[in-house]
């Protein structure tokens, strides 16, 4: 599972990993989900207040999702690194630029 697929999985609850991968490869991550050709194909959960969702990404780390960031929790050191959603979107757009 790619980093973006794992992020979309925890943010949306979508269980079909093939569908997630396809959406990530063919669309863009935006604030409320993943859009392909202008349509939401993977909507993200609408969290209230200070809610968080987590998923085990690997034996070494967990992903932590809230409405404003992706957290990467390193299990061995118990450190949390956060990437703001707007930065995550910019990175995804950069790597998915289509000519």
C-alpha atoms as a PDB file:
ATOM      1  CA  UNK A   1       0.000   0.000   0.000  1.00  0.00           C
ATOM      2  CA  UNK A   2       1.395   3.413  -0.924  1.00  0.00           C
ATOM      3  CA  UNK A   3       1.615   6.267   1.541  1.00  0.00           C
ATOM      4  CA  UNK A   4      -1.173   8.152  -0.226  1.00  0.00           C
ATOM      5  CA  UNK A   5      -3.382   5.054  -0.391  1.00  0.00           C
ATOM      6  CA  UNK A   6      -2.913   4.492   3.332  1.00  0.00           C
ATOM      7  CA  UNK A   7      -3.728   8.140   4.007  1.00  0.00           C
ATOM      8  CA  UNK A   8      -6.883   7.927   1.887  1.00  0.00           C
ATOM      9  CA  UNK A   9      -7.827   4.635   3.565  1.00  0.00           C
ATOM     10  CA  UNK A  10      -7.678   6.029   7.086  1.00  0.00           C
ATOM     11  CA  UNK A  11      -9.290   9.322   6.014  1.00  0.00           C
ATOM     12  CA  UNK A  12     -12.203   7.653   4.222  1.00  0.00           C
ATOM     13  CA  UNK A  13     -12.677   4.168   5.638  1.00  0.00           C
ATOM     14  CA  UNK A  14     -12.592   2.738   2.098  1.00  0.00           C
ATOM     15  CA  UNK A  15     -11.589  -0.921   2.286  1.00  0.00           C
ATOM     16  CA  UNK A  16     -11.063  -1.619  -1.430  1.00  0.00           C
ATOM     17  CA  UNK A  17      -7.317  -1.037  -1.807  1.00  0.00           C
ATOM     18  CA  UNK A  18      -7.426  -1.420  -5.611  1.00  0.00           C
ATOM     19  CA  UNK A  19     -10.051   1.335  -5.832  1.00  0.00           C
ATOM     20  CA  UNK A  20      -7.977   3.572  -3.555  1.00  0.00           C
ATOM     21  CA  UNK A  21      -4.831   3.021  -5.601  1.00  0.00           C
ATOM     22  CA  UNK A  22      -6.699   3.747  -8.841  1.00  0.00           C
ATOM     23  CA  UNK A  23      -8.233   6.929  -7.417  1.00  0.00           C
ATOM     24  CA  UNK A  24      -4.847   8.143  -6.150  1.00  0.00           C
ATOM     25  CA  UNK A  25      -3.105   7.383  -9.455  1.00  0.00           C
ATOM     26  CA  UNK A  26      -5.816   8.948 -11.640  1.00  0.00           C
ATOM     27  CA  UNK A  27      -7.017  11.800  -9.458  1.00  0.00           C
ATOM     28  CA  UNK A  28      -5.975  14.388  -6.941  1.00  0.00           C
ATOM     29  CA  UNK A  29      -6.237  14.607  -3.185  1.00  0.00           C
ATOM     30  CA  UNK A  30      -8.254  17.668  -2.193  1.00  0.00           C
ATOM     31  CA  UNK A  31      -9.500  18.897   1.193  1.00  0.00           C
ATOM     32  CA  UNK A  32     -12.542  16.624   1.339  1.00  0.00           C
ATOM     33  CA  UNK A  33     -11.345  13.514  -0.463  1.00  0.00           C
ATOM     34  CA  UNK A  34      -9.954  12.259  -3.747  1.00  0.00           C
ATOM     35  CA  UNK A  35     -11.347  13.625  -7.001  1.00  0.00           C
ATOM     36  CA  UNK A  36     -11.053  11.989 -10.400  1.00  0.00           C
ATOM     37  CA  UNK A  37     -12.110  14.164 -13.353  1.00  0.00           C
ATOM     38  CA  UNK A  38     -13.793  16.630 -10.991  1.00  0.00           C
ATOM     39  CA  UNK A  39     -15.895  14.025  -9.147  1.00  0.00           C
ATOM     40  CA  UNK A  40     -15.380  12.836  -5.592  1.00  0.00           C
ATOM     41  CA  UNK A  41     -14.652   9.115  -5.781  1.00  0.00           C
ATOM     42  CA  UNK A  42     -13.249   8.770  -2.261  1.00  0.00           C
ATOM     43  CA  UNK A  43     -14.852  11.216   0.196  1.00  0.00           C
ATOM     44  CA  UNK A  44     -13.059  11.748   3.503  1.00  0.00           C
ATOM     45  CA  UNK A  45     -14.747  11.538   6.899  1.00  0.00           C
ATOM     46  CA  UNK A  46     -15.985  14.814   8.337  1.00  0.00           C
ATOM     47  CA  UNK A  47     -14.455  14.851  11.809  1.00  0.00           C
ATOM     48  CA  UNK A  48     -15.693  17.116  14.563  1.00  0.00           C
ATOM     49  CA  UNK A  49     -13.558  18.869  17.132  1.00  0.00           C
ATOM     50  CA  UNK A  50     -10.374  17.128  18.143  1.00  0.00           C
ATOM     51  CA  UNK A  51     -11.059  13.673  16.651  1.00  0.00           C
ATOM     52  CA  UNK A  52      -8.352  11.414  15.213  1.00  0.00           C
ATOM     53  CA  UNK A  53      -8.327   8.173  13.210  1.00  0.00           C
ATOM     54  CA  UNK A  54      -5.348   5.811  13.065  1.00  0.00           C
ATOM     55  CA  UNK A  55      -4.148   2.920  10.938  1.00  0.00           C
ATOM     56  CA  UNK A  56      -1.095   0.676  11.197  1.00  0.00           C
ATOM     57  CA  UNK A  57       0.990   1.440   8.112  1.00  0.00           C
ATOM     58  CA  UNK A  58       3.843  -0.918   8.935  1.00  0.00           C
ATOM     59  CA  UNK A  59       5.442  -2.573  11.966  1.00  0.00           C
ATOM     60  CA  UNK A  60       7.457   0.626  12.401  1.00  0.00           C
ATOM     61  CA  UNK A  61       4.774   3.297  12.047  1.00  0.00           C
ATOM     62  CA  UNK A  62       1.130   4.308  12.325  1.00  0.00           C
ATOM     63  CA  UNK A  63      -0.712   6.967  10.333  1.00  0.00           C
ATOM     64  CA  UNK A  64      -2.838   9.423  12.266  1.00  0.00           C
ATOM     65  CA  UNK A  65      -5.547  11.345  10.384  1.00  0.00           C
ATOM     66  CA  UNK A  66      -7.416  14.448  11.405  1.00  0.00           C
ATOM     67  CA  UNK A  67      -9.017  17.106   9.248  1.00  0.00           C
ATOM     68  CA  UNK A  68      -5.906  19.249   9.100  1.00  0.00           C
ATOM     69  CA  UNK A  69      -2.941  16.875   8.894  1.00  0.00           C
ATOM     70  CA  UNK A  70      -1.382  13.495   8.325  1.00  0.00           C
ATOM     71  CA  UNK A  71       0.536  12.306  11.352  1.00  0.00           C
ATOM     72  CA  UNK A  72       3.233   9.670  11.102  1.00  0.00           C
ATOM     73  CA  UNK A  73       3.785   8.036  14.482  1.00  0.00           C
ATOM     74  CA  UNK A  74       7.114   6.229  14.805  1.00  0.00           C
ATOM     75  CA  UNK A  75       6.468   3.343  17.173  1.00  0.00           C
ATOM     76  CA  UNK A  76      10.054   2.689  18.302  1.00  0.00           C
ATOM     77  CA  UNK A  77      10.796   6.280  19.327  1.00  0.00           C
ATOM     78  CA  UNK A  78       7.166   7.265  20.011  1.00  0.00           C
ATOM     79  CA  UNK A  79       7.638  10.440  17.948  1.00  0.00           C
ATOM     80  CA  UNK A  80       4.850  12.010  15.924  1.00  0.00           C
ATOM     81  CA  UNK A  81       5.636  13.924  12.741  1.00  0.00           C
ATOM     82  CA  UNK A  82       2.793  15.901  11.182  1.00  0.00           C
ATOM     83  CA  UNK A  83       2.347  17.057   7.603  1.00  0.00           C
ATOM     84  CA  UNK A  84      -0.321  19.686   7.030  1.00  0.00           C
ATOM     85  CA  UNK A  85      -3.064  18.689   4.627  1.00  0.00           C
ATOM     86  CA  UNK A  86      -2.355  21.613   2.291  1.00  0.00           C
ATOM     87  CA  UNK A  87       1.298  20.514   2.057  1.00  0.00           C
ATOM     88  CA  UNK A  88       0.248  16.913   1.433  1.00  0.00           C
ATOM     89  CA  UNK A  89      -2.052  18.099  -1.365  1.00  0.00           C
ATOM     90  CA  UNK A  90       0.763  20.161  -2.926  1.00  0.00           C
ATOM     91  CA  UNK A  91       3.147  17.193  -2.829  1.00  0.00           C
ATOM     92  CA  UNK A  92       0.548  14.916  -4.428  1.00  0.00           C
ATOM     93  CA  UNK A  93      -0.182  17.492  -7.151  1.00  0.00           C
ATOM     94  CA  UNK A  94       3.543  17.859  -7.865  1.00  0.00           C
ATOM     95  CA  UNK A  95       4.057  14.124  -8.340  1.00  0.00           C
ATOM     96  CA  UNK A  96       0.878  13.748 -10.411  1.00  0.00           C
ATOM     97  CA  UNK A  97       1.349  16.617 -12.867  1.00  0.00           C
ATOM     98  CA  UNK A  98      -0.038  15.557 -16.201  1.00  0.00           C
ATOM     99  CA  UNK A  99       1.337  17.055 -19.433  1.00  0.00           C
END
